[in-house]
């Protein structure tokens, strides 16, 4: 009986890890304010896009990975108060921060 209970627990843990890994690679779309982490937030020594999204009454910062899509958009928000955007990409966590690798970023019209 104990062996069956242990086997069931192992299967539950393994399947939950597989599910988490599967959802981590799915693209999501968020709308929010895109600002510069250096010029507006004063959080980084170098310029980096940050997408600020309101979730459950709190602001969640998604630091955009430095890829071609993110870099091409940076001039729109650097040294300004930011711009409302819709961004699509995958989200991961690194060093306790949410990191979004965008495949698409557009101003909200």
PDB file of N, CA and C in Angstrom:
ATOM      1  N   UNK A   1       0.825  -1.187   0.000  1.00  0.00           N
ATOM      2  CA  UNK A   1       0.000   0.000   0.000  1.00  0.00           C
ATOM      3  C   UNK A   1       0.876   1.260   0.000  1.00  0.00           C
ATOM      4  N   UNK A   2       1.907   1.250   0.820  1.00  0.00           N
ATOM      5  CA  UNK A   2       2.803   2.397   0.895  1.00  0.00           C
ATOM      6  C   UNK A   2       3.542   2.607  -0.414  1.00  0.00           C
ATOM      7  N   UNK A   3       3.886   1.525  -1.085  1.00  0.00           N
ATOM      8  CA  UNK A   3       4.581   1.605  -2.372  1.00  0.00           C
ATOM      9  C   UNK A   3       3.686   2.256  -3.414  1.00  0.00           C
ATOM     10  N   UNK A   4       2.412   1.904  -3.434  1.00  0.00           N
ATOM     11  CA  UNK A   4       1.471   2.512  -4.379  1.00  0.00           C
ATOM     12  C   UNK A   4       1.292   3.999  -4.106  1.00  0.00           C
ATOM     13  N   UNK A   5       1.223   4.364  -2.854  1.00  0.00           N
ATOM     14  CA  UNK A   5       1.083   5.774  -2.483  1.00  0.00           C
ATOM     15  C   UNK A   5       2.313   6.565  -2.916  1.00  0.00           C
ATOM     16  N   UNK A   6       3.499   6.034  -2.715  1.00  0.00           N
ATOM     17  CA  UNK A   6       4.743   6.693  -3.124  1.00  0.00           C
ATOM     18  C   UNK A   6       4.815   6.819  -4.644  1.00  0.00           C
ATOM     19  N   UNK A   7       4.413   5.772  -5.361  1.00  0.00           N
ATOM     20  CA  UNK A   7       4.427   5.807  -6.829  1.00  0.00           C
ATOM     21  C   UNK A   7       3.455   6.863  -7.343  1.00  0.00           C
ATOM     22  N   UNK A   8       2.296   6.954  -6.732  1.00  0.00           N
ATOM     23  CA  UNK A   8       1.310   7.969  -7.126  1.00  0.00           C
ATOM     24  C   UNK A   8       1.830   9.376  -6.888  1.00  0.00           C
ATOM     25  N   UNK A   9       2.510   9.588  -5.783  1.00  0.00           N
ATOM     26  CA  UNK A   9       3.087  10.896  -5.472  1.00  0.00           C
ATOM     27  C   UNK A   9       4.161  11.271  -6.484  1.00  0.00           C
ATOM     28  N   UNK A  10       5.010  10.315  -6.836  1.00  0.00           N
ATOM     29  CA  UNK A  10       6.051  10.575  -7.833  1.00  0.00           C
ATOM     30  C   UNK A  10       5.457  10.929  -9.191  1.00  0.00           C
ATOM     31  N   UNK A  11       4.405  10.243  -9.594  1.00  0.00           N
ATOM     32  CA  UNK A  11       3.745  10.549 -10.867  1.00  0.00           C
ATOM     33  C   UNK A  11       3.131  11.942 -10.851  1.00  0.00           C
ATOM     34  N   UNK A  12       2.554  12.343  -9.739  1.00  0.00           N
ATOM     35  CA  UNK A  12       1.954  13.675  -9.622  1.00  0.00           C
ATOM     36  C   UNK A  12       3.014  14.754  -9.738  1.00  0.00           C
ATOM     37  N   UNK A  13       4.123  14.589  -9.055  1.00  0.00           N
ATOM     38  CA  UNK A  13       5.209  15.575  -9.112  1.00  0.00           C
ATOM     39  C   UNK A  13       5.794  15.641 -10.516  1.00  0.00           C
ATOM     40  N   UNK A  14       6.027  14.504 -11.139  1.00  0.00           N
ATOM     41  CA  UNK A  14       6.603  14.472 -12.488  1.00  0.00           C
ATOM     42  C   UNK A  14       5.671  15.124 -13.497  1.00  0.00           C
ATOM     43  N   UNK A  15       4.377  14.849 -13.418  1.00  0.00           N
ATOM     44  CA  UNK A  15       3.439  15.437 -14.385  1.00  0.00           C
ATOM     45  C   UNK A  15       3.297  16.932 -14.173  1.00  0.00           C
ATOM     46  N   UNK A  16       3.354  17.416 -12.941  1.00  0.00           N
ATOM     47  CA  UNK A  16       3.260  18.859 -12.706  1.00  0.00           C
ATOM     48  C   UNK A  16       4.490  19.578 -13.243  1.00  0.00           C
ATOM     49  N   UNK A  17       5.658  18.956 -13.154  1.00  0.00           N
ATOM     50  CA  UNK A  17       6.872  19.558 -13.725  1.00  0.00           C
ATOM     51  C   UNK A  17       6.799  19.585 -15.248  1.00  0.00           C
ATOM     52  N   UNK A  18       6.285  18.535 -15.847  1.00  0.00           N
ATOM     53  CA  UNK A  18       6.139  18.508 -17.301  1.00  0.00           C
ATOM     54  C   UNK A  18       5.157  19.573 -17.761  1.00  0.00           C
ATOM     55  N   UNK A  19       4.054  19.755 -17.026  1.00  0.00           N
ATOM     56  CA  UNK A  19       3.069  20.770 -17.375  1.00  0.00           C
ATOM     57  C   UNK A  19       3.673  22.159 -17.261  1.00  0.00           C
ATOM     58  N   UNK A  20       4.436  22.425 -16.218  1.00  0.00           N
ATOM     59  CA  UNK A  20       5.073  23.732 -16.033  1.00  0.00           C
ATOM     60  C   UNK A  20       6.067  24.013 -17.152  1.00  0.00           C
ATOM     61  N   UNK A  21       6.829  23.015 -17.551  1.00  0.00           N
ATOM     62  CA  UNK A  21       7.793  23.201 -18.638  1.00  0.00           C
ATOM     63  C   UNK A  21       7.077  23.471 -19.954  1.00  0.00           C
ATOM     64  N   UNK A  22       5.922  22.820 -20.158  1.00  0.00           N
ATOM     65  CA  UNK A  22       5.161  23.001 -21.386  1.00  0.00           C
ATOM     66  C   UNK A  22       4.604  24.418 -21.483  1.00  0.00           C
ATOM     67  N   UNK A  23       4.074  24.966 -20.400  1.00  0.00           N
ATOM     68  CA  UNK A  23       3.482  26.301 -20.441  1.00  0.00           C
ATOM     69  C   UNK A  23       4.537  27.395 -20.466  1.00  0.00           C
ATOM     70  N   UNK A  24       5.739  27.123 -20.047  1.00  0.00           N
ATOM     71  CA  UNK A  24       6.786  28.145 -20.018  1.00  0.00           C
ATOM     72  C   UNK A  24       7.187  28.578 -21.423  1.00  0.00           C
ATOM     73  N   UNK A  25       6.995  27.749 -22.432  1.00  0.00           N
ATOM     74  CA  UNK A  25       7.405  28.075 -23.787  1.00  0.00           C
ATOM     75  C   UNK A  25       6.277  28.628 -24.646  1.00  0.00           C
ATOM     76  N   UNK A  26       5.104  28.826 -24.083  1.00  0.00           N
ATOM     77  CA  UNK A  26       3.973  29.327 -24.849  1.00  0.00           C
ATOM     78  C   UNK A  26       4.008  30.847 -24.896  1.00  0.00           C
ATOM     79  N   UNK A  27       3.641  31.381 -26.071  1.00  0.00           N
ATOM     80  CA  UNK A  27       3.599  32.838 -26.214  1.00  0.00           C
ATOM     81  C   UNK A  27       2.370  33.397 -25.515  1.00  0.00           C
ATOM     82  N   UNK A  28       2.564  34.551 -24.899  1.00  0.00           N
ATOM     83  CA  UNK A  28       1.490  35.286 -24.240  1.00  0.00           C
ATOM     84  C   UNK A  28       1.494  36.707 -24.790  1.00  0.00           C
ATOM     85  N   UNK A  29       0.381  37.402 -24.632  1.00  0.00           N
ATOM     86  CA  UNK A  29       0.283  38.790 -25.067  1.00  0.00           C
ATOM     87  C   UNK A  29      -0.160  39.638 -23.886  1.00  0.00           C
ATOM     88  N   UNK A  30       0.580  40.713 -23.628  1.00  0.00           N
ATOM     89  CA  UNK A  30       0.259  41.650 -22.557  1.00  0.00           C
ATOM     90  C   UNK A  30       0.165  43.052 -23.128  1.00  0.00           C
ATOM     91  N   UNK A  31      -0.668  43.866 -22.510  1.00  0.00           N
ATOM     92  CA  UNK A  31      -0.709  45.298 -22.820  1.00  0.00           C
ATOM     93  C   UNK A  31      -0.327  46.048 -21.561  1.00  0.00           C
ATOM     94  N   UNK A  32       0.453  47.100 -21.743  1.00  0.00           N
ATOM     95  CA  UNK A  32       0.872  47.895 -20.600  1.00  0.00           C
ATOM     96  C   UNK A  32       1.763  49.033 -21.053  1.00  0.00           C
ATOM     97  N   UNK A  33       2.424  49.653 -20.110  1.00  0.00           N
ATOM     98  CA  UNK A  33       3.307  50.777 -20.389  1.00  0.00           C
ATOM     99  C   UNK A  33       4.737  50.266 -20.552  1.00  0.00           C
ATOM    100  N   UNK A  34       5.357  50.609 -21.670  1.00  0.00           N
ATOM    101  CA  UNK A  34       6.747  50.231 -21.911  1.00  0.00           C
ATOM    102  C   UNK A  34       7.626  51.425 -21.556  1.00  0.00           C
ATOM    103  N   UNK A  35       8.576  51.212 -20.653  1.00  0.00           N
ATOM    104  CA  UNK A  35       9.475  52.273 -20.186  1.00  0.00           C
ATOM    105  C   UNK A  35      10.909  51.768 -20.203  1.00  0.00           C
ATOM    106  N   UNK A  36      11.846  52.687 -20.055  1.00  0.00           N
ATOM    107  CA  UNK A  36      13.263  52.339 -20.002  1.00  0.00           C
ATOM    108  C   UNK A  36      13.665  52.069 -18.548  1.00  0.00           C
ATOM    109  N   UNK A  37      14.301  50.931 -18.322  1.00  0.00           N
ATOM    110  CA  UNK A  37      14.731  50.551 -16.975  1.00  0.00           C
ATOM    111  C   UNK A  37      15.782  51.508 -16.424  1.00  0.00           C
ATOM    112  N   UNK A  38      16.597  52.096 -17.295  1.00  0.00           N
ATOM    113  CA  UNK A  38      17.637  53.020 -16.853  1.00  0.00           C
ATOM    114  C   UNK A  38      17.089  54.439 -16.704  1.00  0.00           C
ATOM    115  N   UNK A  39      16.481  54.949 -17.756  1.00  0.00           N
ATOM    116  CA  UNK A  39      16.096  56.367 -17.798  1.00  0.00           C
ATOM    117  C   UNK A  39      14.850  56.702 -16.985  1.00  0.00           C
ATOM    118  N   UNK A  40      13.901  55.768 -16.880  1.00  0.00           N
ATOM    119  CA  UNK A  40      12.656  56.037 -16.167  1.00  0.00           C
ATOM    120  C   UNK A  40      12.641  55.374 -14.792  1.00  0.00           C
ATOM    121  N   UNK A  41      12.984  54.094 -14.738  1.00  0.00           N
ATOM    122  CA  UNK A  41      12.916  53.359 -13.468  1.00  0.00           C
ATOM    123  C   UNK A  41      14.180  53.488 -12.628  1.00  0.00           C
ATOM    124  N   UNK A  42      15.291  53.867 -13.247  1.00  0.00           N
ATOM    125  CA  UNK A  42      16.586  53.994 -12.555  1.00  0.00           C
ATOM    126  C   UNK A  42      16.976  52.698 -11.843  1.00  0.00           C
ATOM    127  N   UNK A  43      16.752  51.561 -12.532  1.00  0.00           N
ATOM    128  CA  UNK A  43      17.040  50.249 -11.952  1.00  0.00           C
ATOM    129  C   UNK A  43      18.238  49.543 -12.573  1.00  0.00           C
ATOM    130  N   UNK A  44      18.644  49.945 -13.759  1.00  0.00           N
ATOM    131  CA  UNK A  44      19.738  49.258 -14.441  1.00  0.00           C
ATOM    132  C   UNK A  44      20.791  50.262 -14.901  1.00  0.00           C
ATOM    133  N   UNK A  45      22.040  49.821 -15.021  1.00  0.00           N
ATOM    134  CA  UNK A  45      23.103  50.729 -15.480  1.00  0.00           C
ATOM    135  C   UNK A  45      23.029  51.015 -16.980  1.00  0.00           C
ATOM    136  N   UNK A  46      22.331  50.154 -17.739  1.00  0.00           N
ATOM    137  CA  UNK A  46      22.192  50.337 -19.180  1.00  0.00           C
ATOM    138  C   UNK A  46      20.718  50.327 -19.556  1.00  0.00           C
ATOM    139  N   UNK A  47      20.416  50.925 -20.701  1.00  0.00           N
ATOM    140  CA  UNK A  47      19.041  50.978 -21.184  1.00  0.00           C
ATOM    141  C   UNK A  47      18.499  49.574 -21.437  1.00  0.00           C
ATOM    142  N   UNK A  48      17.239  49.374 -21.059  1.00  0.00           N
ATOM    143  CA  UNK A  48      16.541  48.120 -21.300  1.00  0.00           C
ATOM    144  C   UNK A  48      15.049  48.400 -21.233  1.00  0.00           C
ATOM    145  N   UNK A  49      14.295  47.808 -22.144  1.00  0.00           N
ATOM    146  CA  UNK A  49      12.844  47.967 -22.132  1.00  0.00           C
ATOM    147  C   UNK A  49      12.235  47.176 -20.986  1.00  0.00           C
ATOM    148  N   UNK A  50      11.234  47.774 -20.352  1.00  0.00           N
ATOM    149  CA  UNK A  50      10.464  47.105 -19.315  1.00  0.00           C
ATOM    150  C   UNK A  50       8.991  47.316 -19.632  1.00  0.00           C
ATOM    151  N   UNK A  51       8.233  46.235 -19.670  1.00  0.00           N
ATOM    152  CA  UNK A  51       6.793  46.310 -19.866  1.00  0.00           C
ATOM    153  C   UNK A  51       6.136  46.232 -18.500  1.00  0.00           C
ATOM    154  N   UNK A  52       5.400  47.289 -18.135  1.00  0.00           N
ATOM    155  CA  UNK A  52       4.714  47.327 -16.848  1.00  0.00           C
ATOM    156  C   UNK A  52       3.248  46.979 -17.071  1.00  0.00           C
ATOM    157  N   UNK A  53       2.812  45.884 -16.429  1.00  0.00           N
ATOM    158  CA  UNK A  53       1.460  45.373 -16.598  1.00  0.00           C
ATOM    159  C   UNK A  53       0.758  45.364 -15.244  1.00  0.00           C
ATOM    160  N   UNK A  54      -0.493  45.805 -15.211  1.00  0.00           N
ATOM    161  CA  UNK A  54      -1.285  45.760 -13.984  1.00  0.00           C
ATOM    162  C   UNK A  54      -1.924  44.384 -13.846  1.00  0.00           C
ATOM    163  N   UNK A  55      -1.631  43.705 -12.729  1.00  0.00           N
ATOM    164  CA  UNK A  55      -2.220  42.399 -12.422  1.00  0.00           C
ATOM    165  C   UNK A  55      -2.658  42.394 -10.970  1.00  0.00           C
ATOM    166  N   UNK A  56      -3.923  42.120 -10.754  1.00  0.00           N
ATOM    167  CA  UNK A  56      -4.481  42.042  -9.396  1.00  0.00           C
ATOM    168  C   UNK A  56      -4.161  43.292  -8.580  1.00  0.00           C
ATOM    169  N   UNK A  57      -4.236  44.454  -9.206  1.00  0.00           N
ATOM    170  CA  UNK A  57      -4.009  45.712  -8.502  1.00  0.00           C
ATOM    171  C   UNK A  57      -2.552  46.051  -8.249  1.00  0.00           C
ATOM    172  N   UNK A  58      -1.638  45.248  -8.789  1.00  0.00           N
ATOM    173  CA  UNK A  58      -0.208  45.494  -8.608  1.00  0.00           C
ATOM    174  C   UNK A  58       0.467  45.647  -9.968  1.00  0.00           C
ATOM    175  N   UNK A  59       1.556  46.397 -10.007  1.00  0.00           N
ATOM    176  CA  UNK A  59       2.330  46.545 -11.233  1.00  0.00           C
ATOM    177  C   UNK A  59       3.381  45.450 -11.300  1.00  0.00           C
ATOM    178  N   UNK A  60       3.362  44.684 -12.388  1.00  0.00           N
ATOM    179  CA  UNK A  60       4.348  43.630 -12.620  1.00  0.00           C
ATOM    180  C   UNK A  60       5.273  44.115 -13.729  1.00  0.00           C
ATOM    181  N   UNK A  61       6.573  44.104 -13.466  1.00  0.00           N
ATOM    182  CA  UNK A  61       7.571  44.516 -14.459  1.00  0.00           C
ATOM    183  C   UNK A  61       8.096  43.302 -15.202  1.00  0.00           C
ATOM    184  N   UNK A  62       7.993  43.345 -16.536  1.00  0.00           N
ATOM    185  CA  UNK A  62       8.567  42.326 -17.402  1.00  0.00           C
ATOM    186  C   UNK A  62       9.750  42.969 -18.118  1.00  0.00           C
ATOM    187  N   UNK A  63      10.948  42.539 -17.795  1.00  0.00           N
ATOM    188  CA  UNK A  63      12.167  43.065 -18.414  1.00  0.00           C
ATOM    189  C   UNK A  63      12.310  42.398 -19.768  1.00  0.00           C
ATOM    190  N   UNK A  64      12.314  43.185 -20.835  1.00  0.00           N
ATOM    191  CA  UNK A  64      12.367  42.607 -22.173  1.00  0.00           C
ATOM    192  C   UNK A  64      13.790  42.196 -22.517  1.00  0.00           C
ATOM    193  N   UNK A  65      13.925  40.948 -22.940  1.00  0.00           N
ATOM    194  CA  UNK A  65      15.234  40.428 -23.340  1.00  0.00           C
ATOM    195  C   UNK A  65      15.749  41.264 -24.511  1.00  0.00           C
ATOM    196  N   UNK A  66      17.068  41.414 -24.563  1.00  0.00           N
ATOM    197  CA  UNK A  66      17.695  42.239 -25.603  1.00  0.00           C
ATOM    198  C   UNK A  66      17.773  41.471 -26.917  1.00  0.00           C
ATOM    199  N   UNK A  67      16.662  41.400 -27.640  1.00  0.00           N
ATOM    200  CA  UNK A  67      16.693  40.796 -28.972  1.00  0.00           C
ATOM    201  C   UNK A  67      16.413  41.893 -30.006  1.00  0.00           C
ATOM    202  N   UNK A  68      16.412  41.554 -31.273  1.00  0.00           N
ATOM    203  CA  UNK A  68      16.229  42.554 -32.331  1.00  0.00           C
ATOM    204  C   UNK A  68      14.911  43.302 -32.207  1.00  0.00           C
ATOM    205  N   UNK A  69      13.844  42.604 -31.858  1.00  0.00           N
ATOM    206  CA  UNK A  69      12.523  43.229 -31.741  1.00  0.00           C
ATOM    207  C   UNK A  69      12.511  44.263 -30.620  1.00  0.00           C
ATOM    208  N   UNK A  70      13.059  43.905 -29.476  1.00  0.00           N
ATOM    209  CA  UNK A  70      13.096  44.813 -28.338  1.00  0.00           C
ATOM    210  C   UNK A  70      13.994  46.021 -28.616  1.00  0.00           C
ATOM    211  N   UNK A  71      15.172  45.773 -29.179  1.00  0.00           N
ATOM    212  CA  UNK A  71      16.115  46.859 -29.474  1.00  0.00           C
ATOM    213  C   UNK A  71      15.543  47.843 -30.490  1.00  0.00           C
ATOM    214  N   UNK A  72      14.837  47.332 -31.501  1.00  0.00           N
ATOM    215  CA  UNK A  72      14.272  48.203 -32.535  1.00  0.00           C
ATOM    216  C   UNK A  72      13.214  49.141 -31.965  1.00  0.00           C
ATOM    217  N   UNK A  73      12.549  48.741 -30.890  1.00  0.00           N
ATOM    218  CA  UNK A  73      11.495  49.565 -30.295  1.00  0.00           C
ATOM    219  C   UNK A  73      12.025  50.555 -29.264  1.00  0.00           C
ATOM    220  N   UNK A  74      13.231  50.362 -28.794  1.00  0.00           N
ATOM    221  CA  UNK A  74      13.735  51.135 -27.654  1.00  0.00           C
ATOM    222  C   UNK A  74      13.746  52.649 -27.882  1.00  0.00           C
ATOM    223  N   UNK A  75      14.071  53.107 -29.073  1.00  0.00           N
ATOM    224  CA  UNK A  75      14.104  54.551 -29.323  1.00  0.00           C
ATOM    225  C   UNK A  75      12.745  55.210 -29.095  1.00  0.00           C
ATOM    226  N   UNK A  76      11.668  54.450 -29.189  1.00  0.00           N
ATOM    227  CA  UNK A  76      10.333  55.001 -28.962  1.00  0.00           C
ATOM    228  C   UNK A  76      10.100  55.393 -27.503  1.00  0.00           C
ATOM    229  N   UNK A  77      10.813  54.761 -26.587  1.00  0.00           N
ATOM    230  CA  UNK A  77      10.514  54.980 -25.162  1.00  0.00           C
ATOM    231  C   UNK A  77      11.677  55.547 -24.347  1.00  0.00           C
ATOM    232  N   UNK A  78      12.885  55.494 -24.870  1.00  0.00           N
ATOM    233  CA  UNK A  78      14.042  55.957 -24.098  1.00  0.00           C
ATOM    234  C   UNK A  78      13.974  57.469 -23.918  1.00  0.00           C
ATOM    235  N   UNK A  79      14.240  57.927 -22.745  1.00  0.00           N
ATOM    236  CA  UNK A  79      14.225  59.346 -22.323  1.00  0.00           C
ATOM    237  C   UNK A  79      12.838  59.968 -22.395  1.00  0.00           C
ATOM    238  N   UNK A  80      11.786  59.149 -22.531  1.00  0.00           N
ATOM    239  CA  UNK A  80      10.417  59.653 -22.451  1.00  0.00           C
ATOM    240  C   UNK A  80       9.769  59.011 -21.236  1.00  0.00           C
ATOM    241  N   UNK A  81       8.523  59.342 -20.996  1.00  0.00           N
ATOM    242  CA  UNK A  81       7.819  58.727 -19.870  1.00  0.00           C
ATOM    243  C   UNK A  81       7.245  57.362 -20.245  1.00  0.00           C
ATOM    244  N   UNK A  82       7.495  56.912 -21.470  1.00  0.00           N
ATOM    245  CA  UNK A  82       7.065  55.590 -21.898  1.00  0.00           C
ATOM    246  C   UNK A  82       5.948  55.662 -22.914  1.00  0.00           C
ATOM    247  N   UNK A  83       5.506  54.485 -23.333  1.00  0.00           N
ATOM    248  CA  UNK A  83       4.456  54.392 -24.339  1.00  0.00           C
ATOM    249  C   UNK A  83       3.607  53.155 -24.059  1.00  0.00           C
ATOM    250  N   UNK A  84       2.298  53.289 -24.224  1.00  0.00           N
ATOM    251  CA  UNK A  84       1.384  52.165 -24.054  1.00  0.00           C
ATOM    252  C   UNK A  84       1.559  51.225 -25.245  1.00  0.00           C
ATOM    253  N   UNK A  85       1.799  49.926 -24.963  1.00  0.00           N
ATOM    254  CA  UNK A  85       2.075  48.952 -26.017  1.00  0.00           C
ATOM    255  C   UNK A  85       1.335  47.639 -25.765  1.00  0.00           C
ATOM    256  N   UNK A  86       1.305  46.832 -26.794  1.00  0.00           N
ATOM    257  CA  UNK A  86       0.899  45.429 -26.698  1.00  0.00           C
ATOM    258  C   UNK A  86       2.099  44.622 -27.157  1.00  0.00           C
ATOM    259  N   UNK A  87       2.515  43.661 -26.326  1.00  0.00           N
ATOM    260  CA  UNK A  87       3.702  42.854 -26.630  1.00  0.00           C
ATOM    261  C   UNK A  87       3.347  41.373 -26.557  1.00  0.00           C
ATOM    262  N   UNK A  88       3.929  40.608 -27.477  1.00  0.00           N
ATOM    263  CA  UNK A  88       3.729  39.165 -27.523  1.00  0.00           C
ATOM    264  C   UNK A  88       5.090  38.494 -27.412  1.00  0.00           C
ATOM    265  N   UNK A  89       5.163  37.447 -26.591  1.00  0.00           N
ATOM    266  CA  UNK A  89       6.417  36.717 -26.428  1.00  0.00           C
ATOM    267  C   UNK A  89       6.306  35.648 -25.368  1.00  0.00           C
ATOM    268  N   UNK A  90       7.448  35.088 -25.013  1.00  0.00           N
ATOM    269  CA  UNK A  90       7.503  34.066 -23.972  1.00  0.00           C
ATOM    270  C   UNK A  90       8.075  34.674 -22.698  1.00  0.00           C
ATOM    271  N   UNK A  91       7.631  34.156 -21.571  1.00  0.00           N
ATOM    272  CA  UNK A  91       8.041  34.688 -20.271  1.00  0.00           C
ATOM    273  C   UNK A  91       8.793  33.625 -19.488  1.00  0.00           C
ATOM    274  N   UNK A  92       9.871  34.066 -18.844  1.00  0.00           N
ATOM    275  CA  UNK A  92      10.629  33.194 -17.950  1.00  0.00           C
ATOM    276  C   UNK A  92      11.029  34.026 -16.735  1.00  0.00           C
ATOM    277  N   UNK A  93      11.655  33.381 -15.786  1.00  0.00           N
ATOM    278  CA  UNK A  93      12.131  34.094 -14.600  1.00  0.00           C
ATOM    279  C   UNK A  93      13.637  33.956 -14.519  1.00  0.00           C
ATOM    280  N   UNK A  94      14.317  35.075 -14.247  1.00  0.00           N
ATOM    281  CA  UNK A  94      15.761  35.060 -14.101  1.00  0.00           C
ATOM    282  C   UNK A  94      16.144  36.006 -12.976  1.00  0.00           C
ATOM    283  N   UNK A  95      16.898  35.502 -12.025  1.00  0.00           N
ATOM    284  CA  UNK A  95      17.347  36.298 -10.883  1.00  0.00           C
ATOM    285  C   UNK A  95      16.190  36.989 -10.171  1.00  0.00           C
ATOM    286  N   UNK A  96      15.053  36.298 -10.077  1.00  0.00           N
ATOM    287  CA  UNK A  96      13.894  36.829  -9.381  1.00  0.00           C
ATOM    288  C   UNK A  96      13.090  37.856 -10.171  1.00  0.00           C
ATOM    289  N   UNK A  97      13.433  38.070 -11.434  1.00  0.00           N
ATOM    290  CA  UNK A  97      12.719  39.027 -12.278  1.00  0.00           C
ATOM    291  C   UNK A  97      12.013  38.293 -13.410  1.00  0.00           C
ATOM    292  N   UNK A  98      10.874  38.836 -13.819  1.00  0.00           N
ATOM    293  CA  UNK A  98      10.153  38.311 -14.970  1.00  0.00           C
ATOM    294  C   UNK A  98      10.827  38.837 -16.236  1.00  0.00           C
ATOM    295  N   UNK A  99      11.208  37.936 -17.129  1.00  0.00           N
ATOM    296  CA  UNK A  99      11.874  38.311 -18.383  1.00  0.00           C
ATOM    297  C   UNK A  99      10.980  37.863 -19.535  1.00  0.00           C
ATOM    298  N   UNK A 100      10.699  38.790 -20.435  1.00  0.00           N
ATOM    299  CA  UNK A 100       9.873  38.486 -21.598  1.00  0.00           C
ATOM    300  C   UNK A 100      10.729  38.609 -22.858  1.00  0.00           C
ATOM    301  N   UNK A 101      10.738  37.545 -23.650  1.00  0.00           N
ATOM    302  CA  UNK A 101      11.424  37.573 -24.940  1.00  0.00           C
ATOM    303  C   UNK A 101      10.351  37.839 -25.989  1.00  0.00           C
ATOM    304  N   UNK A 102      10.326  39.071 -26.484  1.00  0.00           N
ATOM    305  CA  UNK A 102       9.242  39.485 -27.382  1.00  0.00           C
ATOM    306  C   UNK A 102       9.489  39.058 -28.818  1.00  0.00           C
ATOM    307  N   UNK A 103       8.419  38.671 -29.461  1.00  0.00           N
ATOM    308  CA  UNK A 103       8.439  38.392 -30.886  1.00  0.00           C
ATOM    309  C   UNK A 103       7.733  39.504 -31.639  1.00  0.00           C
ATOM    310  N   UNK A 104       6.951  40.307 -30.889  1.00  0.00           N
ATOM    311  CA  UNK A 104       6.197  41.397 -31.494  1.00  0.00           C
ATOM    312  C   UNK A 104       5.900  42.437 -30.423  1.00  0.00           C
ATOM    313  N   UNK A 105       6.060  43.707 -30.774  1.00  0.00           N
ATOM    314  CA  UNK A 105       5.720  44.806 -29.876  1.00  0.00           C
ATOM    315  C   UNK A 105       5.182  45.959 -30.711  1.00  0.00           C
ATOM    316  N   UNK A 106       3.989  46.448 -30.333  1.00  0.00           N
ATOM    317  CA  UNK A 106       3.333  47.503 -31.095  1.00  0.00           C
ATOM    318  C   UNK A 106       2.740  48.545 -30.166  1.00  0.00           C
ATOM    319  N   UNK A 107       2.775  49.805 -30.573  1.00  0.00           N
ATOM    320  CA  UNK A 107       2.107  50.845 -29.793  1.00  0.00           C
ATOM    321  C   UNK A 107       0.587  50.615 -29.826  1.00  0.00           C
ATOM    322  N   UNK A 108      -0.073  50.941 -28.724  1.00  0.00           N
ATOM    323  CA  UNK A 108      -1.524  50.876 -28.675  1.00  0.00           C
ATOM    324  C   UNK A 108      -2.065  52.150 -29.285  1.00  0.00           C
ATOM    325  N   UNK A 109      -2.978  52.007 -30.223  1.00  0.00           N
ATOM    326  CA  UNK A 109      -3.528  53.194 -30.894  1.00  0.00           C
ATOM    327  C   UNK A 109      -4.893  53.527 -30.402  1.00  0.00           C
TER     328      UNK A 109
END
